[in-house]
C-alpha atoms as a PDB file:
ATOM      1  CA  MET A   1     -52.143 -12.894 -12.976  1.00  0.00           C
ATOM      2  CA  ARG A   2     -50.164 -10.184 -14.756  1.00  0.00           C
ATOM      3  CA  ALA A   3     -48.559  -9.145 -11.463  1.00  0.00           C
ATOM      4  CA  TRP A   4     -47.309 -12.693 -10.900  1.00  0.00           C
ATOM      5  CA  LEU A   5     -45.953 -12.861 -14.427  1.00  0.00           C
ATOM      6  CA  ILE A   6     -44.089  -9.548 -14.046  1.00  0.00           C
ATOM      7  CA  LEU A   7     -42.711 -10.573 -10.629  1.00  0.00           C
ATOM      8  CA  GLY A   8     -41.522 -13.900 -12.039  1.00  0.00           C
ATOM      9  CA  ALA A   9     -39.807 -12.182 -14.989  1.00  0.00           C
ATOM     10  CA  MET A  10     -38.019  -9.817 -12.639  1.00  0.00           C
ATOM     11  CA  LEU A  11     -36.763 -12.659 -10.421  1.00  0.00           C
ATOM     12  CA  VAL A  12     -35.543 -14.684 -13.390  1.00  0.00           C
ATOM     13  CA  SER A  13     -33.695 -11.690 -14.866  1.00  0.00           C
ATOM     14  CA  ALA A  14     -32.115 -10.843 -11.477  1.00  0.00           C
ATOM     15  CA  THR A  15     -30.924 -14.439 -11.133  1.00  0.00           C
ATOM     16  CA  ALA A  16     -29.518 -14.376 -14.658  1.00  0.00           C
ATOM     17  CA  LEU A  17     -27.611 -11.136 -13.953  1.00  0.00           C
ATOM     18  CA  ALA A  18     -26.181 -12.538 -10.722  1.00  0.00           C
ATOM     19  CA  GLN A  19     -24.728 -15.528 -12.592  1.00  0.00           C
ATOM     20  CA  SER A  20     -23.154 -13.508 -15.411  1.00  0.00           C
ATOM     21  CA  PRO A  21     -19.355 -13.038 -15.498  1.00  0.00           C
ATOM     22  CA  PRO A  22     -17.892  -9.946 -13.802  1.00  0.00           C
ATOM     23  CA  PRO A  23     -17.707  -6.739 -15.836  1.00  0.00           C
ATOM     24  CA  MET A  24     -14.608  -6.541 -18.023  1.00  0.00           C
ATOM     25  CA  VAL A  25     -12.302  -3.694 -18.998  1.00  0.00           C
ATOM     26  CA  GLY A  26     -10.622  -4.818 -22.170  1.00  0.00           C
ATOM     27  CA  ASP A  27      -9.610  -8.399 -21.413  1.00  0.00           C
ATOM     28  CA  LYS A  28      -9.212  -7.877 -17.641  1.00  0.00           C
ATOM     29  CA  PRO A  29     -11.955  -8.066 -15.005  1.00  0.00           C
ATOM     30  CA  LEU A  30     -13.034  -4.824 -13.345  1.00  0.00           C
ATOM     31  CA  VAL A  31     -11.704  -4.706  -9.776  1.00  0.00           C
ATOM     32  CA  GLN A  32     -13.313  -2.862  -6.897  1.00  0.00           C
ATOM     33  CA  ILE A  33     -11.056  -0.917  -4.542  1.00  0.00           C
ATOM     34  CA  LYS A  34     -11.398  -1.531  -0.822  1.00  0.00           C
ATOM     35  CA  PRO A  35     -11.609   1.502   1.484  1.00  0.00           C
ATOM     36  CA  LYS A  36      -8.463   2.354   3.461  1.00  0.00           C
ATOM     37  CA  GLN A  37      -8.330   1.303   7.075  1.00  0.00           C
ATOM     38  CA  ALA A  38      -7.807   3.925   9.759  1.00  0.00           C
ATOM     39  CA  LYS A  39      -4.286   4.127  11.209  1.00  0.00           C
ATOM     40  CA  PRO A  40      -3.992   3.036  14.822  1.00  0.00           C
ATOM     41  CA  ALA A  41      -3.145   5.756  17.324  1.00  0.00           C
ATOM     42  CA  GLY A  42       0.577   6.100  17.925  1.00  0.00           C
ATOM     43  CA  ALA A  43       1.587   4.702  14.537  1.00  0.00           C
ATOM     44  CA  ALA A  44       5.186   5.359  13.601  1.00  0.00           C
ATOM     45  CA  ILE A  45       5.936   8.240  11.240  1.00  0.00           C
ATOM     46  CA  LYS A  46       8.274   6.216   9.055  1.00  0.00           C
ATOM     47  CA  GLN A  47       6.299   4.214   6.549  1.00  0.00           C
ATOM     48  CA  PRO A  48       7.869   2.460   3.607  1.00  0.00           C
ATOM     49  CA  GLY A  49       7.078   4.130   0.335  1.00  0.00           C
ATOM     50  CA  LYS A  50       5.626   7.269   1.879  1.00  0.00           C
ATOM     51  CA  PRO A  51       7.782  10.369   1.341  1.00  0.00           C
ATOM     52  CA  GLN A  52       8.689  12.294   4.488  1.00  0.00           C
ATOM     53  CA  SER A  53       8.849  16.045   4.864  1.00  0.00           C
ATOM     54  CA  ILE A  54      12.173  17.839   5.025  1.00  0.00           C
ATOM     55  CA  ALA A  55      11.520  18.812   8.651  1.00  0.00           C
ATOM     56  CA  VAL A  56      11.051  15.176   9.688  1.00  0.00           C
ATOM     57  CA  ARG A  57      14.224  14.123   7.870  1.00  0.00           C
ATOM     58  CA  LEU A  58      16.252  16.964   9.442  1.00  0.00           C
ATOM     59  CA  GLN A  59      14.969  16.079  12.914  1.00  0.00           C
ATOM     60  CA  ALA A  60      15.912  12.437  12.316  1.00  0.00           C
ATOM     61  CA  CYS A  61      19.496  13.622  11.767  1.00  0.00           C
ATOM     62  CA  LEU A  62      19.474  15.150  15.269  1.00  0.00           C
ATOM     63  CA  ASP A  63      19.358  11.608  16.717  1.00  0.00           C
ATOM     64  CA  ILE A  64      22.893  10.983  15.403  1.00  0.00           C
ATOM     65  CA  GLU A  65      25.857  12.014  17.575  1.00  0.00           C
ATOM     66  CA  ASP A  66      26.540  15.763  17.357  1.00  0.00           C
ATOM     67  CA  GLY A  67      29.655  16.821  15.465  1.00  0.00           C
ATOM     68  CA  SER A  68      30.045  13.470  13.705  1.00  0.00           C
ATOM     69  CA  LYS A  69      30.589  12.782  10.035  1.00  0.00           C
ATOM     70  CA  GLU A  70      27.479  10.576  10.053  1.00  0.00           C
ATOM     71  CA  ARG A  71      25.266  13.514  11.057  1.00  0.00           C
ATOM     72  CA  LEU A  72      26.730  15.662   8.275  1.00  0.00           C
ATOM     73  CA  ASP A  73      26.153  12.796   5.820  1.00  0.00           C
ATOM     74  CA  CYS A  74      22.544  12.630   6.999  1.00  0.00           C
ATOM     75  CA  TYR A  75      22.079  16.369   6.371  1.00  0.00           C
ATOM     76  CA  ASP A  76      23.846  16.072   3.002  1.00  0.00           C
ATOM     77  CA  ALA A  77      21.378  13.331   2.019  1.00  0.00           C
ATOM     78  CA  VAL A  78      18.532  15.814   2.563  1.00  0.00           C
ATOM     79  CA  PHE A  79      20.322  18.779   0.933  1.00  0.00           C
ATOM     80  CA  PRO A  80      23.305  17.693  -1.222  1.00  0.00           C
ATOM     81  CA  PRO A  81      26.222  20.169  -0.939  1.00  0.00           C
ATOM     82  CA  LYS A  82      26.805  22.512  -3.881  1.00  0.00           C
ATOM     83  CA  ALA A  83      29.926  24.347  -2.712  1.00  0.00           C
ATOM     84  CA  LYS A  84      33.161  23.625  -4.517  1.00  0.00           C
ATOM     85  CA  PRO A  85      36.182  22.833  -2.312  1.00  0.00           C
ATOM     86  CA  GLY A  86      38.340  25.924  -1.879  1.00  0.00           C
ATOM     87  CA  ALA A  87      35.492  28.284  -2.791  1.00  0.00           C
ATOM     88  CA  LYS A  88      34.914  31.409  -0.734  1.00  0.00           C
ATOM     89  CA  PRO A  89      32.119  31.047   1.836  1.00  0.00           C
ATOM     90  CA  PRO A  90      29.013  33.177   1.303  1.00  0.00           C
ATOM     91  CA  LYS A  91      29.293  36.610   2.927  1.00  0.00           C
ATOM     92  CA  ALA A  92      25.780  36.641   4.353  1.00  0.00           C
ATOM     93  CA  ALA A  93      24.455  34.182   6.914  1.00  0.00           C
ATOM     94  CA  ALA A  94      22.152  31.467   5.619  1.00  0.00           C
ATOM     95  CA  LYS A  95      18.557  32.679   5.438  1.00  0.00           C
ATOM     96  CA  ALA A  96      17.110  29.233   4.718  1.00  0.00           C
ATOM     97  CA  VAL A  97      18.193  25.714   5.515  1.00  0.00           C
ATOM     98  CA  ALA A  98      18.873  25.061   1.827  1.00  0.00           C
ATOM     99  CA  ASP A  99      21.540  27.797   1.920  1.00  0.00           C
ATOM    100  CA  CYS A 100      23.626  25.690   4.306  1.00  0.00           C
ATOM    101  CA  ARG A 101      24.700  23.431   1.452  1.00  0.00           C
ATOM    102  CA  LEU A 102      26.651  26.336  -0.047  1.00  0.00           C
ATOM    103  CA  GLN A 103      29.148  26.346   2.862  1.00  0.00           C
ATOM    104  CA  PRO A 104      32.459  24.852   1.640  1.00  0.00           C
ATOM    105  CA  GLU A 105      33.735  23.800   5.092  1.00  0.00           C
ATOM    106  CA  GLN A 106      32.210  20.713   6.668  1.00  0.00           C
ATOM    107  CA  ASP A 107      32.235  22.185  10.196  1.00  0.00           C
ATOM    108  CA  GLU A 108      30.476  25.352   9.047  1.00  0.00           C
ATOM    109  CA  ARG A 109      27.927  23.347   7.066  1.00  0.00           C
ATOM    110  CA  LEU A 110      27.228  21.083  10.068  1.00  0.00           C
ATOM    111  CA  ALA A 111      26.814  24.073  12.408  1.00  0.00           C
ATOM    112  CA  CYS A 112      24.463  25.755   9.924  1.00  0.00           C
ATOM    113  CA  PHE A 113      22.284  22.641   9.563  1.00  0.00           C
ATOM    114  CA  ASN A 114      22.259  22.101  13.348  1.00  0.00           C
ATOM    115  CA  GLY A 115      21.027  25.657  13.891  1.00  0.00           C
ATOM    116  CA  PHE A 116      18.081  25.198  11.571  1.00  0.00           C
ATOM    117  CA  ALA A 117      17.251  21.642  12.699  1.00  0.00           C
ATOM    118  CA  ASP A 118      17.237  22.707  16.362  1.00  0.00           C
ATOM    119  CA  SER A 119      14.868  25.596  15.636  1.00  0.00           C
ATOM    120  CA  ILE A 120      12.217  23.354  14.003  1.00  0.00           C
ATOM    121  CA  PRO A 121       9.328  22.753  16.433  1.00  0.00           C
ATOM    122  CA  LYS A 122       9.108  19.137  17.530  1.00  0.00           C
ATOM    123  CA  LEU A 123       6.539  17.292  15.443  1.00  0.00           C
ATOM    124  CA  PRO A 124       4.073  14.903  17.087  1.00  0.00           C
ATOM    125  CA  ARG A 125       4.941  11.264  16.564  1.00  0.00           C
END
């Protein structure tokens, strides 16, 4: 008889808990987060809101016509130029891609960026 009484009490309490309101945090209900879904194979690299690496952005500039102002603008969006017009160019060759922004001449800056962007290994898409 006691076993039936204990079993009944447990079922009634479980039913009561199932009908209670959801847990609250302050005055807002607690929300459970759903697990992320796996990306399908061959998904595009560009995703809105997800920051891209510098290498990916430099390689995207290679798709623009070579020697054009648009390609230089694309590179300048990645690394804004810091050279002042009429300033003397650096005496040493650029050791890193970020050093290309110090070139005062647009043609020299474009050639410098092209050299580094071409040497980056192609990333899988």
